[in-house]
Amino acid sequence: MADHTPNNQPRLFGPTRVRHVTVCHFFTGVGVVSKYIDAAHVLAPLRKYAQQTFFVLVCDEKQKPISIIRHSLGSVTHYPIDVGIVAGSICATPGAAEVWFARNAPDGCTDISSKDREVASKLAHLIHGSGVESRGLLVIAPQGLASYFDGFREIPFQIDPHIRRNPVPVKERKIFLRRS
């Protein structure tokens, strides 16, 4: 006999599985992400988001983009993040060898904040030893403005346009509940 809530609805129990599901695609004109300029091109669609959002571009051992993890939808000026969940999502991505962390800047300010530096450092530390290398953090703003932080210095730059034909899946973590 199943437990029911007062409305005679089936009761939901704890999560039964977590999956990364494709929610959309970013199209890119680069096939290999060897420099921060390439990573910024792949992640350039971030500039259109009105809320700060944290992303991870995942590349394979040949530096081919294989997935973009979308995490932490926030407000215009900040994003919440659970670095443990992000690190777990990175390590759960089949074929992951390199990652580029990124967030957008709807307000147009591409300065790398102390929070950005802290998040990038914590994530790099968490994935260290997993076989996945952190390549740095990007902040992407409207009009193609961006900044790159490699752990030591910040480099502001303009994102180069390319014809975009190759899709890269954007994935989110979804939790599926067990029903009675």
C-alpha atoms as a PDB file:
ATOM      1  CA  MET A   1       0.000   0.000   0.000  1.00  0.00           C
ATOM      2  CA  ALA A   2       1.470   3.358  -1.081  1.00  0.00           C
ATOM      3  CA  ASP A   3       1.740   6.382   1.179  1.00  0.00           C
ATOM      4  CA  HIS A   4      -0.299   9.357   0.033  1.00  0.00           C
ATOM      5  CA  THR A   5      -0.300  13.019   0.913  1.00  0.00           C
ATOM      6  CA  PRO A   6      -3.501  14.606   2.304  1.00  0.00           C
ATOM      7  CA  ASN A   7      -4.578  15.489  -1.278  1.00  0.00           C
ATOM      8  CA  ASN A   8      -4.450  11.788  -2.129  1.00  0.00           C
ATOM      9  CA  GLN A   9      -1.353  12.406  -4.299  1.00  0.00           C
ATOM     10  CA  PRO A  10       1.518   9.912  -4.428  1.00  0.00           C
ATOM     11  CA  ARG A  11       4.341  10.832  -2.078  1.00  0.00           C
ATOM     12  CA  LEU A  12       7.745  11.716  -3.558  1.00  0.00           C
ATOM     13  CA  PHE A  13      10.741  10.003  -2.062  1.00  0.00           C
ATOM     14  CA  GLY A  14      14.443  10.828  -2.351  1.00  0.00           C
ATOM     15  CA  PRO A  15      16.236  11.197  -5.662  1.00  0.00           C
ATOM     16  CA  THR A  16      16.695   8.011  -7.610  1.00  0.00           C
ATOM     17  CA  ARG A  17      19.100   9.295 -10.232  1.00  0.00           C
ATOM     18  CA  VAL A  18      20.935  12.357 -11.447  1.00  0.00           C
ATOM     19  CA  ARG A  19      21.473  12.912 -15.161  1.00  0.00           C
ATOM     20  CA  HIS A  20      23.039  15.575 -17.302  1.00  0.00           C
ATOM     21  CA  VAL A  21      20.508  16.423 -19.991  1.00  0.00           C
ATOM     22  CA  THR A  22      20.992  18.530 -23.102  1.00  0.00           C
ATOM     23  CA  VAL A  23      18.883  21.695 -22.868  1.00  0.00           C
ATOM     24  CA  CYS A  24      20.149  23.531 -25.978  1.00  0.00           C
ATOM     25  CA  HIS A  25      23.232  23.940 -28.168  1.00  0.00           C
ATOM     26  CA  PHE A  26      25.815  26.673 -28.661  1.00  0.00           C
ATOM     27  CA  PHE A  27      27.135  26.776 -32.206  1.00  0.00           C
ATOM     28  CA  THR A  28      30.828  27.373 -32.798  1.00  0.00           C
ATOM     29  CA  GLY A  29      33.152  28.143 -35.665  1.00  0.00           C
ATOM     30  CA  VAL A  30      36.229  26.614 -34.019  1.00  0.00           C
ATOM     31  CA  GLY A  31      36.923  22.896 -33.875  1.00  0.00           C
ATOM     32  CA  VAL A  32      39.798  23.047 -31.388  1.00  0.00           C
ATOM     33  CA  VAL A  33      40.003  25.110 -28.194  1.00  0.00           C
ATOM     34  CA  SER A  34      43.712  25.644 -27.616  1.00  0.00           C
ATOM     35  CA  LYS A  35      43.633  29.270 -26.387  1.00  0.00           C
ATOM     36  CA  TYR A  36      41.365  31.429 -24.258  1.00  0.00           C
ATOM     37  CA  ILE A  37      40.288  33.288 -27.411  1.00  0.00           C
ATOM     38  CA  ASP A  38      38.918  30.013 -28.832  1.00  0.00           C
ATOM     39  CA  ALA A  39      37.092  29.205 -25.580  1.00  0.00           C
ATOM     40  CA  ALA A  40      35.567  32.695 -25.526  1.00  0.00           C
ATOM     41  CA  HIS A  41      34.298  32.214 -29.076  1.00  0.00           C
ATOM     42  CA  VAL A  42      32.564  28.949 -28.123  1.00  0.00           C
ATOM     43  CA  LEU A  43      31.032  30.608 -25.047  1.00  0.00           C
ATOM     44  CA  ALA A  44      30.164  33.932 -26.750  1.00  0.00           C
ATOM     45  CA  PRO A  45      26.391  33.209 -26.691  1.00  0.00           C
ATOM     46  CA  LEU A  46      26.655  33.858 -22.926  1.00  0.00           C
ATOM     47  CA  ARG A  47      26.695  37.579 -23.711  1.00  0.00           C
ATOM     48  CA  LYS A  48      22.958  37.413 -24.452  1.00  0.00           C
ATOM     49  CA  TYR A  49      21.914  36.125 -21.013  1.00  0.00           C
ATOM     50  CA  ALA A  50      20.300  38.770 -18.772  1.00  0.00           C
ATOM     51  CA  GLN A  51      21.207  36.939 -15.553  1.00  0.00           C
ATOM     52  CA  GLN A  52      24.697  35.966 -14.434  1.00  0.00           C
ATOM     53  CA  THR A  53      25.173  32.295 -15.146  1.00  0.00           C
ATOM     54  CA  PHE A  54      28.161  30.042 -14.526  1.00  0.00           C
ATOM     55  CA  PHE A  55      29.268  27.673 -17.304  1.00  0.00           C
ATOM     56  CA  VAL A  56      32.017  25.131 -17.856  1.00  0.00           C
ATOM     57  CA  LEU A  57      33.312  24.387 -21.344  1.00  0.00           C
ATOM     58  CA  VAL A  58      34.514  20.770 -21.388  1.00  0.00           C
ATOM     59  CA  CYS A  59      37.027  19.619 -24.008  1.00  0.00           C
ATOM     60  CA  ASP A  60      38.484  16.207 -24.782  1.00  0.00           C
ATOM     61  CA  GLU A  61      42.170  15.243 -24.983  1.00  0.00           C
ATOM     62  CA  LYS A  62      42.371  16.681 -28.519  1.00  0.00           C
ATOM     63  CA  GLN A  63      40.962  20.006 -27.246  1.00  0.00           C
ATOM     64  CA  LYS A  64      37.674  19.478 -29.085  1.00  0.00           C
ATOM     65  CA  PRO A  65      34.666  20.975 -27.269  1.00  0.00           C
ATOM     66  CA  ILE A  66      32.421  18.111 -26.189  1.00  0.00           C
ATOM     67  CA  SER A  67      30.016  19.721 -23.729  1.00  0.00           C
ATOM     68  CA  ILE A  68      29.061  22.912 -21.950  1.00  0.00           C
ATOM     69  CA  ILE A  69      27.787  22.549 -18.399  1.00  0.00           C
ATOM     70  CA  ARG A  70      25.301  25.242 -17.357  1.00  0.00           C
ATOM     71  CA  HIS A  71      25.183  25.862 -13.628  1.00  0.00           C
ATOM     72  CA  SER A  72      24.029  28.609 -11.257  1.00  0.00           C
ATOM     73  CA  LEU A  73      21.487  30.945 -12.773  1.00  0.00           C
ATOM     74  CA  GLY A  74      21.699  34.126 -10.694  1.00  0.00           C
ATOM     75  CA  SER A  75      20.802  37.804 -10.851  1.00  0.00           C
ATOM     76  CA  VAL A  76      22.205  40.668 -12.925  1.00  0.00           C
ATOM     77  CA  THR A  77      25.136  41.106 -10.526  1.00  0.00           C
ATOM     78  CA  HIS A  78      25.909  37.714  -8.969  1.00  0.00           C
ATOM     79  CA  TYR A  79      25.550  33.950  -9.271  1.00  0.00           C
ATOM     80  CA  PRO A  80      25.229  31.234  -6.614  1.00  0.00           C
ATOM     81  CA  ILE A  81      27.507  28.244  -7.002  1.00  0.00           C
ATOM     82  CA  ASP A  82      28.156  24.914  -5.347  1.00  0.00           C
ATOM     83  CA  VAL A  83      31.714  24.053  -6.397  1.00  0.00           C
ATOM     84  CA  GLY A  84      31.292  20.429  -5.295  1.00  0.00           C
ATOM     85  CA  ILE A  85      28.369  19.899  -7.657  1.00  0.00           C
ATOM     86  CA  VAL A  86      30.218  21.612 -10.515  1.00  0.00           C
ATOM     87  CA  ALA A  87      33.358  19.518  -9.906  1.00  0.00           C
ATOM     88  CA  GLY A  88      31.220  16.365  -9.832  1.00  0.00           C
ATOM     89  CA  SER A  89      29.558  17.336 -13.117  1.00  0.00           C
ATOM     90  CA  ILE A  90      32.962  17.890 -14.711  1.00  0.00           C
ATOM     91  CA  CYS A  91      34.301  14.533 -13.553  1.00  0.00           C
ATOM     92  CA  ALA A  92      31.091  12.794 -14.686  1.00  0.00           C
ATOM     93  CA  THR A  93      31.518  14.056 -18.264  1.00  0.00           C
ATOM     94  CA  PRO A  94      32.832  11.180 -20.411  1.00  0.00           C
ATOM     95  CA  GLY A  95      36.040  12.112 -22.238  1.00  0.00           C
ATOM     96  CA  ALA A  96      36.700  15.287 -20.236  1.00  0.00           C
ATOM     97  CA  ALA A  97      40.368  16.335 -20.329  1.00  0.00           C
ATOM     98  CA  GLU A  98      40.295  20.162 -20.099  1.00  0.00           C
ATOM     99  CA  VAL A  99      37.820  22.701 -18.771  1.00  0.00           C
ATOM    100  CA  TRP A 100      37.350  26.432 -19.141  1.00  0.00           C
ATOM    101  CA  PHE A 101      35.239  28.109 -16.452  1.00  0.00           C
ATOM    102  CA  ALA A 102      33.090  31.049 -17.516  1.00  0.00           C
ATOM    103  CA  ARG A 103      30.409  33.432 -16.427  1.00  0.00           C
ATOM    104  CA  ASN A 104      28.615  36.153 -18.257  1.00  0.00           C
ATOM    105  CA  ALA A 105      28.508  39.835 -17.299  1.00  0.00           C
ATOM    106  CA  PRO A 106      25.109  41.309 -18.216  1.00  0.00           C
ATOM    107  CA  ASP A 107      26.173  44.668 -16.742  1.00  0.00           C
ATOM    108  CA  GLY A 108      29.092  44.853 -19.209  1.00  0.00           C
ATOM    109  CA  CYS A 109      31.842  44.785 -16.567  1.00  0.00           C
ATOM    110  CA  THR A 110      34.393  42.112 -17.476  1.00  0.00           C
ATOM    111  CA  ASP A 111      36.566  42.634 -14.393  1.00  0.00           C
ATOM    112  CA  ILE A 112      37.482  39.354 -12.698  1.00  0.00           C
ATOM    113  CA  SER A 113      36.150  39.677  -9.146  1.00  0.00           C
ATOM    114  CA  SER A 114      37.670  38.175  -6.008  1.00  0.00           C
ATOM    115  CA  LYS A 115      34.699  35.752  -5.926  1.00  0.00           C
ATOM    116  CA  ASP A 116      35.482  34.684  -9.511  1.00  0.00           C
ATOM    117  CA  ARG A 117      39.113  34.052  -8.548  1.00  0.00           C
ATOM    118  CA  GLU A 118      38.056  32.085  -5.480  1.00  0.00           C
ATOM    119  CA  VAL A 119      35.582  29.942  -7.447  1.00  0.00           C
ATOM    120  CA  ALA A 120      38.136  29.187 -10.183  1.00  0.00           C
ATOM    121  CA  SER A 121      40.781  28.292  -7.592  1.00  0.00           C
ATOM    122  CA  LYS A 122      38.451  26.010  -5.611  1.00  0.00           C
ATOM    123  CA  LEU A 123      37.267  24.226  -8.755  1.00  0.00           C
ATOM    124  CA  ALA A 124      40.820  23.745 -10.034  1.00  0.00           C
ATOM    125  CA  HIS A 125      41.756  22.306  -6.643  1.00  0.00           C
ATOM    126  CA  LEU A 126      38.734  19.966  -6.550  1.00  0.00           C
ATOM    127  CA  ILE A 127      39.374  18.488 -10.001  1.00  0.00           C
ATOM    128  CA  HIS A 128      43.149  18.252  -9.518  1.00  0.00           C
ATOM    129  CA  GLY A 129      44.175  14.616  -9.853  1.00  0.00           C
ATOM    130  CA  SER A 130      41.022  13.631 -11.768  1.00  0.00           C
ATOM    131  CA  GLY A 131      42.740  13.742 -15.152  1.00  0.00           C
ATOM    132  CA  VAL A 132      40.937  16.969 -16.069  1.00  0.00           C
ATOM    133  CA  GLU A 133      42.996  20.157 -16.351  1.00  0.00           C
ATOM    134  CA  SER A 134      41.653  23.624 -15.549  1.00  0.00           C
ATOM    135  CA  ARG A 135      42.580  26.167 -18.230  1.00  0.00           C
ATOM    136  CA  GLY A 136      41.251  29.307 -16.485  1.00  0.00           C
ATOM    137  CA  LEU A 137      38.224  31.560 -16.151  1.00  0.00           C
ATOM    138  CA  LEU A 138      36.491  33.771 -18.699  1.00  0.00           C
ATOM    139  CA  VAL A 139      34.052  36.618 -18.118  1.00  0.00           C
ATOM    140  CA  ILE A 140      31.967  37.411 -21.197  1.00  0.00           C
ATOM    141  CA  ALA A 141      29.964  40.620 -21.648  1.00  0.00           C
ATOM    142  CA  PRO A 142      27.718  42.117 -24.332  1.00  0.00           C
ATOM    143  CA  GLN A 143      29.338  43.538 -27.490  1.00  0.00           C
ATOM    144  CA  GLY A 144      31.882  40.694 -27.475  1.00  0.00           C
ATOM    145  CA  LEU A 145      33.973  42.066 -24.613  1.00  0.00           C
ATOM    146  CA  ALA A 146      35.695  39.524 -22.377  1.00  0.00           C
ATOM    147  CA  SER A 147      38.418  38.942 -19.795  1.00  0.00           C
ATOM    148  CA  TYR A 148      40.526  35.879 -19.130  1.00  0.00           C
ATOM    149  CA  PHE A 149      42.120  34.889 -15.834  1.00  0.00           C
ATOM    150  CA  ASP A 150      44.757  32.147 -15.913  1.00  0.00           C
ATOM    151  CA  GLY A 151      45.340  32.057 -12.162  1.00  0.00           C
ATOM    152  CA  PHE A 152      47.962  34.795 -12.215  1.00  0.00           C
ATOM    153  CA  ARG A 153      46.902  37.623 -14.491  1.00  0.00           C
ATOM    154  CA  GLU A 154      43.796  39.100 -16.055  1.00  0.00           C
ATOM    155  CA  ILE A 155      43.715  39.746 -19.807  1.00  0.00           C
ATOM    156  CA  PRO A 156      40.889  41.875 -21.295  1.00  0.00           C
ATOM    157  CA  PHE A 157      40.155  41.257 -25.007  1.00  0.00           C
ATOM    158  CA  GLN A 158      37.538  41.355 -27.773  1.00  0.00           C
ATOM    159  CA  ILE A 159      35.994  38.054 -28.945  1.00  0.00           C
ATOM    160  CA  ASP A 160      36.675  37.317 -32.618  1.00  0.00           C
ATOM    161  CA  PRO A 161      33.610  36.470 -34.728  1.00  0.00           C
ATOM    162  CA  HIS A 162      33.520  33.244 -36.757  1.00  0.00           C
ATOM    163  CA  ILE A 163      30.835  31.542 -38.790  1.00  0.00           C
ATOM    164  CA  ARG A 164      29.055  29.198 -36.354  1.00  0.00           C
ATOM    165  CA  ARG A 165      28.164  25.781 -37.763  1.00  0.00           C
ATOM    166  CA  ASN A 166      29.262  23.166 -35.236  1.00  0.00           C
ATOM    167  CA  PRO A 167      26.893  22.445 -32.324  1.00  0.00           C
ATOM    168  CA  VAL A 168      28.161  21.906 -28.778  1.00  0.00           C
ATOM    169  CA  PRO A 169      25.530  20.566 -26.355  1.00  0.00           C
ATOM    170  CA  VAL A 170      24.676  22.671 -23.303  1.00  0.00           C
ATOM    171  CA  LYS A 171      23.815  20.373 -20.406  1.00  0.00           C
ATOM    172  CA  GLU A 172      22.207  20.830 -17.011  1.00  0.00           C
ATOM    173  CA  ARG A 173      22.056  18.511 -14.049  1.00  0.00           C
ATOM    174  CA  LYS A 174      18.548  17.134 -13.511  1.00  0.00           C
ATOM    175  CA  ILE A 175      17.448  15.150 -10.484  1.00  0.00           C
ATOM    176  CA  PHE A 176      14.714  12.596 -11.015  1.00  0.00           C
ATOM    177  CA  LEU A 177      12.583  11.619  -8.014  1.00  0.00           C
ATOM    178  CA  ARG A 178      11.219   8.228  -7.174  1.00  0.00           C
ATOM    179  CA  ARG A 179       7.457   8.120  -6.778  1.00  0.00           C
ATOM    180  CA  SER A 180       5.553   5.752  -4.568  1.00  0.00           C
END
